[in-house]
PDB file of N, CA and C in Angstrom:
ATOM      1  N   MET A   1       0.963  -1.215  -0.076  1.00  0.00           N
ATOM      2  CA  MET A   1       0.302  -0.351   0.238  1.00  0.00           C
ATOM      3  C   MET A   1       1.210   1.603  -0.001  1.00  0.00           C
ATOM      4  N   SER A   2       0.441   2.493  -0.609  1.00  0.00           N
ATOM      5  CA  SER A   2       1.236   3.392  -0.703  1.00  0.00           C
ATOM      6  C   SER A   2       0.351   4.416  -0.236  1.00  0.00           C
ATOM      7  N   LYS A   3       0.715   6.486  -0.096  1.00  0.00           N
ATOM      8  CA  LYS A   3       0.227   7.259   0.599  1.00  0.00           C
ATOM      9  C   LYS A   3       0.735   8.170  -1.021  1.00  0.00           C
ATOM     10  N   GLU A   4       0.261   8.864  -0.861  1.00  0.00           N
ATOM     11  CA  GLU A   4       0.148  10.154  -1.662  1.00  0.00           C
ATOM     12  C   GLU A   4       0.574  11.613  -0.769  1.00  0.00           C
ATOM     13  N   ILE A   5       1.705  12.329  -1.200  1.00  0.00           N
ATOM     14  CA  ILE A   5       2.017  13.407  -0.320  1.00  0.00           C
ATOM     15  C   ILE A   5       1.888  14.957  -1.503  1.00  0.00           C
ATOM     16  N   VAL A   6       1.419  15.841  -1.097  1.00  0.00           N
ATOM     17  CA  VAL A   6       0.231  16.782  -2.430  1.00  0.00           C
ATOM     18  C   VAL A   6       1.996  17.635  -1.579  1.00  0.00           C
ATOM     19  N   LEU A   7       2.831  18.640  -2.518  1.00  0.00           N
ATOM     20  CA  LEU A   7       3.418  19.157  -1.967  1.00  0.00           C
ATOM     21  C   LEU A   7       2.798  20.828  -2.474  1.00  0.00           C
ATOM     22  N   ASN A   8       3.155  21.547  -2.483  1.00  0.00           N
ATOM     23  CA  ASN A   8       2.523  23.354  -2.042  1.00  0.00           C
ATOM     24  C   ASN A   8       3.906  24.620  -2.296  1.00  0.00           C
ATOM     25  N   GLY A   9       4.366  24.976  -2.825  1.00  0.00           N
ATOM     26  CA  GLY A   9       6.079  25.747  -2.302  1.00  0.00           C
ATOM     27  C   GLY A   9       6.626  26.152  -3.602  1.00  0.00           C
ATOM     28  N   CYS A  10       7.948  26.786  -2.533  1.00  0.00           N
ATOM     29  CA  CYS A  10       8.746  26.707  -3.679  1.00  0.00           C
ATOM     30  C   CYS A  10      10.330  25.972  -3.345  1.00  0.00           C
ATOM     31  N   VAL A  11      11.143  26.177  -3.696  1.00  0.00           N
ATOM     32  CA  VAL A  11      12.467  26.365  -4.067  1.00  0.00           C
ATOM     33  C   VAL A  11      13.520  26.836  -4.389  1.00  0.00           C
ATOM     34  N   GLU A  12      14.921  27.798  -3.063  1.00  0.00           N
ATOM     35  CA  GLU A  12      14.514  28.754  -4.375  1.00  0.00           C
ATOM     36  C   GLU A  12      16.664  27.201  -4.491  1.00  0.00           C
ATOM     37  N   ILE A  13      16.678  28.081  -5.282  1.00  0.00           N
ATOM     38  CA  ILE A  13      18.200  27.396  -6.489  1.00  0.00           C
ATOM     39  C   ILE A  13      18.620  28.371  -6.927  1.00  0.00           C
ATOM     40  N   PRO A  14      19.482  28.294  -7.143  1.00  0.00           N
ATOM     41  CA  PRO A  14      21.187  30.030  -7.572  1.00  0.00           C
ATOM     42  C   PRO A  14      20.166  29.895  -9.577  1.00  0.00           C
ATOM     43  N   ASP A  15      20.903  31.692  -9.354  1.00  0.00           N
ATOM     44  CA  ASP A  15      20.426  31.921 -10.171  1.00  0.00           C
ATOM     45  C   ASP A  15      21.018  31.395 -11.768  1.00  0.00           C
ATOM     46  N   ASP A  16      21.946  30.787 -11.443  1.00  0.00           N
ATOM     47  CA  ASP A  16      22.648  30.643 -13.254  1.00  0.00           C
ATOM     48  C   ASP A  16      21.839  29.317 -13.510  1.00  0.00           C
ATOM     49  N   MET A  17      21.282  28.246 -11.970  1.00  0.00           N
ATOM     50  CA  MET A  17      20.483  26.861 -12.905  1.00  0.00           C
ATOM     51  C   MET A  17      19.215  27.051 -13.952  1.00  0.00           C
ATOM     52  N   SER A  18      19.086  26.063 -14.061  1.00  0.00           N
ATOM     53  CA  SER A  18      18.085  25.687 -15.311  1.00  0.00           C
ATOM     54  C   SER A  18      16.908  25.542 -14.522  1.00  0.00           C
ATOM     55  N   GLU A  19      15.392  26.373 -14.822  1.00  0.00           N
ATOM     56  CA  GLU A  19      14.345  25.133 -14.184  1.00  0.00           C
ATOM     57  C   GLU A  19      14.761  23.242 -14.820  1.00  0.00           C
ATOM     58  N   GLU A  20      15.335  22.836 -16.474  1.00  0.00           N
ATOM     59  CA  GLU A  20      15.203  22.313 -16.118  1.00  0.00           C
ATOM     60  C   GLU A  20      16.579  21.538 -16.023  1.00  0.00           C
ATOM     61  N   ALA A  21      17.722  22.218 -15.539  1.00  0.00           N
ATOM     62  CA  ALA A  21      17.944  21.237 -14.404  1.00  0.00           C
ATOM     63  C   ALA A  21      18.360  21.570 -12.966  1.00  0.00           C
ATOM     64  N   PHE A  22      17.270  21.896 -12.592  1.00  0.00           N
ATOM     65  CA  PHE A  22      16.676  21.982 -11.175  1.00  0.00           C
ATOM     66  C   PHE A  22      15.285  20.274 -11.122  1.00  0.00           C
ATOM     67  N   CYS A  23      14.675  20.095 -12.315  1.00  0.00           N
ATOM     68  CA  CYS A  23      13.399  20.113 -12.611  1.00  0.00           C
ATOM     69  C   CYS A  23      13.688  18.023 -13.158  1.00  0.00           C
ATOM     70  N   ASP A  24      15.279  17.735 -13.324  1.00  0.00           N
ATOM     71  CA  ASP A  24      15.980  17.117 -13.617  1.00  0.00           C
ATOM     72  C   ASP A  24      16.683  15.624 -12.082  1.00  0.00           C
ATOM     73  N   ALA A  25      17.506  17.306 -11.561  1.00  0.00           N
ATOM     74  CA  ALA A  25      18.499  17.122 -10.130  1.00  0.00           C
ATOM     75  C   ALA A  25      16.511  16.732  -9.041  1.00  0.00           C
ATOM     76  N   PHE A  26      14.961  17.624  -9.475  1.00  0.00           N
ATOM     77  CA  PHE A  26      14.821  17.261  -8.234  1.00  0.00           C
ATOM     78  C   PHE A  26      13.855  15.468  -8.743  1.00  0.00           C
ATOM     79  N   ILE A  27      13.667  14.972 -10.261  1.00  0.00           N
ATOM     80  CA  ILE A  27      13.155  13.682 -10.460  1.00  0.00           C
ATOM     81  C   ILE A  27      14.222  12.848 -10.246  1.00  0.00           C
ATOM     82  N   ASP A  28      15.191  12.959 -10.169  1.00  0.00           N
ATOM     83  CA  ASP A  28      16.600  11.907 -10.287  1.00  0.00           C
ATOM     84  C   ASP A  28      16.064  11.525  -8.422  1.00  0.00           C
ATOM     85  N   PHE A  29      16.402  12.484  -7.570  1.00  0.00           N
ATOM     86  CA  PHE A  29      15.997  12.149  -6.480  1.00  0.00           C
ATOM     87  C   PHE A  29      14.942  11.573  -6.300  1.00  0.00           C
ATOM     88  N   VAL A  30      13.608  12.091  -7.287  1.00  0.00           N
ATOM     89  CA  VAL A  30      12.169  10.849  -6.577  1.00  0.00           C
ATOM     90  C   VAL A  30      12.505   9.547  -7.145  1.00  0.00           C
ATOM     91  N   GLU A  31      12.956   9.098  -8.193  1.00  0.00           N
ATOM     92  CA  GLU A  31      13.154   8.119  -7.990  1.00  0.00           C
ATOM     93  C   GLU A  31      14.169   7.086  -7.371  1.00  0.00           C
ATOM     94  N   SER A  32      14.997   8.215  -6.919  1.00  0.00           N
ATOM     95  CA  SER A  32      16.009   7.527  -6.381  1.00  0.00           C
ATOM     96  C   SER A  32      15.805   6.695  -5.769  1.00  0.00           C
ATOM     97  N   HIS A  33      14.633   6.789  -5.110  1.00  0.00           N
ATOM     98  CA  HIS A  33      13.992   6.564  -3.638  1.00  0.00           C
ATOM     99  C   HIS A  33      12.716   5.602  -4.397  1.00  0.00           C
ATOM    100  N   GLY A  34      13.074   5.160  -5.521  1.00  0.00           N
ATOM    101  CA  GLY A  34      11.502   4.105  -5.755  1.00  0.00           C
ATOM    102  C   GLY A  34      10.203   5.325  -5.557  1.00  0.00           C
ATOM    103  N   TRP A  35      10.169   6.448  -5.998  1.00  0.00           N
ATOM    104  CA  TRP A  35       8.936   7.285  -5.961  1.00  0.00           C
ATOM    105  C   TRP A  35       8.185   7.798  -7.626  1.00  0.00           C
ATOM    106  N   TYR A  36       7.390   8.229  -7.270  1.00  0.00           N
ATOM    107  CA  TYR A  36       6.856   9.076  -8.016  1.00  0.00           C
ATOM    108  C   TYR A  36       6.347  10.199  -8.984  1.00  0.00           C
ATOM    109  N   TYR A  37       6.356  11.401  -9.444  1.00  0.00           N
ATOM    110  CA  TYR A  37       6.312  12.458  -8.817  1.00  0.00           C
ATOM    111  C   TYR A  37       5.720  12.409 -10.678  1.00  0.00           C
ATOM    112  N   GLY A  38       4.630  12.742 -10.254  1.00  0.00           N
ATOM    113  CA  GLY A  38       3.159  13.500 -10.830  1.00  0.00           C
ATOM    114  C   GLY A  38       2.654  14.750 -10.650  1.00  0.00           C
ATOM    115  N   GLY A  39       2.833  16.095 -11.542  1.00  0.00           N
ATOM    116  CA  GLY A  39       2.495  17.639 -11.413  1.00  0.00           C
ATOM    117  C   GLY A  39       3.597  18.238 -12.241  1.00  0.00           C
ATOM    118  N   GLY A  40       3.280  19.403 -12.596  1.00  0.00           N
ATOM    119  CA  GLY A  40       4.063  20.677 -12.443  1.00  0.00           C
ATOM    120  C   GLY A  40       5.133  20.679 -12.076  1.00  0.00           C
ATOM    121  N   ILE A  41       5.880  22.094 -12.366  1.00  0.00           N
ATOM    122  CA  ILE A  41       6.908  22.115 -11.878  1.00  0.00           C
ATOM    123  C   ILE A  41       7.739  23.716 -12.983  1.00  0.00           C
ATOM    124  N   TYR A  42       7.370  25.073 -12.318  1.00  0.00           N
ATOM    125  CA  TYR A  42       7.618  26.439 -12.791  1.00  0.00           C
ATOM    126  C   TYR A  42       8.101  26.501 -12.175  1.00  0.00           C
ATOM    127  N   GLU A  43       9.134  28.403 -12.974  1.00  0.00           N
ATOM    128  CA  GLU A  43       9.455  29.362 -12.207  1.00  0.00           C
ATOM    129  C   GLU A  43       8.092  29.588 -12.052  1.00  0.00           C
ATOM    130  N   TYR A  44       8.860  30.326 -10.366  1.00  0.00           N
ATOM    131  CA  TYR A  44       7.318  31.082 -10.826  1.00  0.00           C
ATOM    132  C   TYR A  44       8.108  32.509 -10.029  1.00  0.00           C
ATOM    133  N   ASP A  45       7.567  32.931 -10.396  1.00  0.00           N
ATOM    134  CA  ASP A  45       7.017  35.054 -10.326  1.00  0.00           C
ATOM    135  C   ASP A  45       6.731  35.608  -9.349  1.00  0.00           C
ATOM    136  N   GLU A  46       7.227  36.176  -8.283  1.00  0.00           N
ATOM    137  CA  GLU A  46       6.992  36.844  -7.711  1.00  0.00           C
ATOM    138  C   GLU A  46       6.174  38.666  -7.532  1.00  0.00           C
ATOM    139  N   LYS A  47       6.172  38.788  -9.035  1.00  0.00           N
ATOM    140  CA  LYS A  47       5.878  40.362  -9.086  1.00  0.00           C
ATOM    141  C   LYS A  47       4.721  40.086  -9.529  1.00  0.00           C
ATOM    142  N   ARG A  48       4.533  38.346 -10.452  1.00  0.00           N
ATOM    143  CA  ARG A  48       3.288  38.085 -10.738  1.00  0.00           C
ATOM    144  C   ARG A  48       2.602  36.890 -10.322  1.00  0.00           C
ATOM    145  N   ASP A  49       2.911  36.900  -9.241  1.00  0.00           N
ATOM    146  CA  ASP A  49       2.890  35.813  -8.324  1.00  0.00           C
ATOM    147  C   ASP A  49       2.267  34.076  -8.864  1.00  0.00           C
ATOM    148  N   GLY A  50       2.854  33.499  -9.658  1.00  0.00           N
ATOM    149  CA  GLY A  50       3.033  32.659 -10.534  1.00  0.00           C
ATOM    150  C   GLY A  50       4.287  32.516 -12.041  1.00  0.00           C
ATOM    151  N   ASN A  51       3.137  31.718 -13.002  1.00  0.00           N
ATOM    152  CA  ASN A  51       3.705  31.587 -13.102  1.00  0.00           C
ATOM    153  C   ASN A  51       5.109  32.268 -14.647  1.00  0.00           C
ATOM    154  N   VAL A  52       6.402  32.228 -14.752  1.00  0.00           N
ATOM    155  CA  VAL A  52       6.731  33.027 -15.612  1.00  0.00           C
ATOM    156  C   VAL A  52       6.372  32.899 -17.188  1.00  0.00           C
ATOM    157  N   ASP A  53       5.937  31.431 -17.351  1.00  0.00           N
ATOM    158  CA  ASP A  53       5.586  31.443 -18.748  1.00  0.00           C
ATOM    159  C   ASP A  53       4.079  32.657 -19.591  1.00  0.00           C
ATOM    160  N   SER A  54       2.994  33.166 -17.508  1.00  0.00           N
ATOM    161  CA  SER A  54       2.036  32.884 -18.199  1.00  0.00           C
ATOM    162  C   SER A  54       1.551  33.831 -18.882  1.00  0.00           C
ATOM    163  N   ASN A  55       0.979  33.711 -19.626  1.00  0.00           N
ATOM    164  CA  ASN A  55       0.180  35.247 -20.501  1.00  0.00           C
ATOM    165  C   ASN A  55      -0.314  36.427 -20.459  1.00  0.00           C
ATOM    166  N   GLU A  56      -0.707  36.183 -18.870  1.00  0.00           N
ATOM    167  CA  GLU A  56      -1.850  37.230 -18.116  1.00  0.00           C
ATOM    168  C   GLU A  56      -0.297  38.137 -17.642  1.00  0.00           C
ATOM    169  N   GLU A  57      -1.010  39.144 -18.197  1.00  0.00           N
ATOM    170  CA  GLU A  57      -0.789  40.536 -17.417  1.00  0.00           C
ATOM    171  C   GLU A  57      -0.676  41.453 -16.520  1.00  0.00           C
TER     172      GLU A  57
END
């Protein structure tokens, strides 16, 4: 039997680290424990209170 944990937060990473590099490291961590992650990962923009890629102005 397994259970699910919901993540709701931000991770602070160095300016020179890409979103893709973070995602790869995060997924490697999750999978190294035999776990599964299902969800989104995106860069947060505090000024826009959300996704950097958002089309909303």
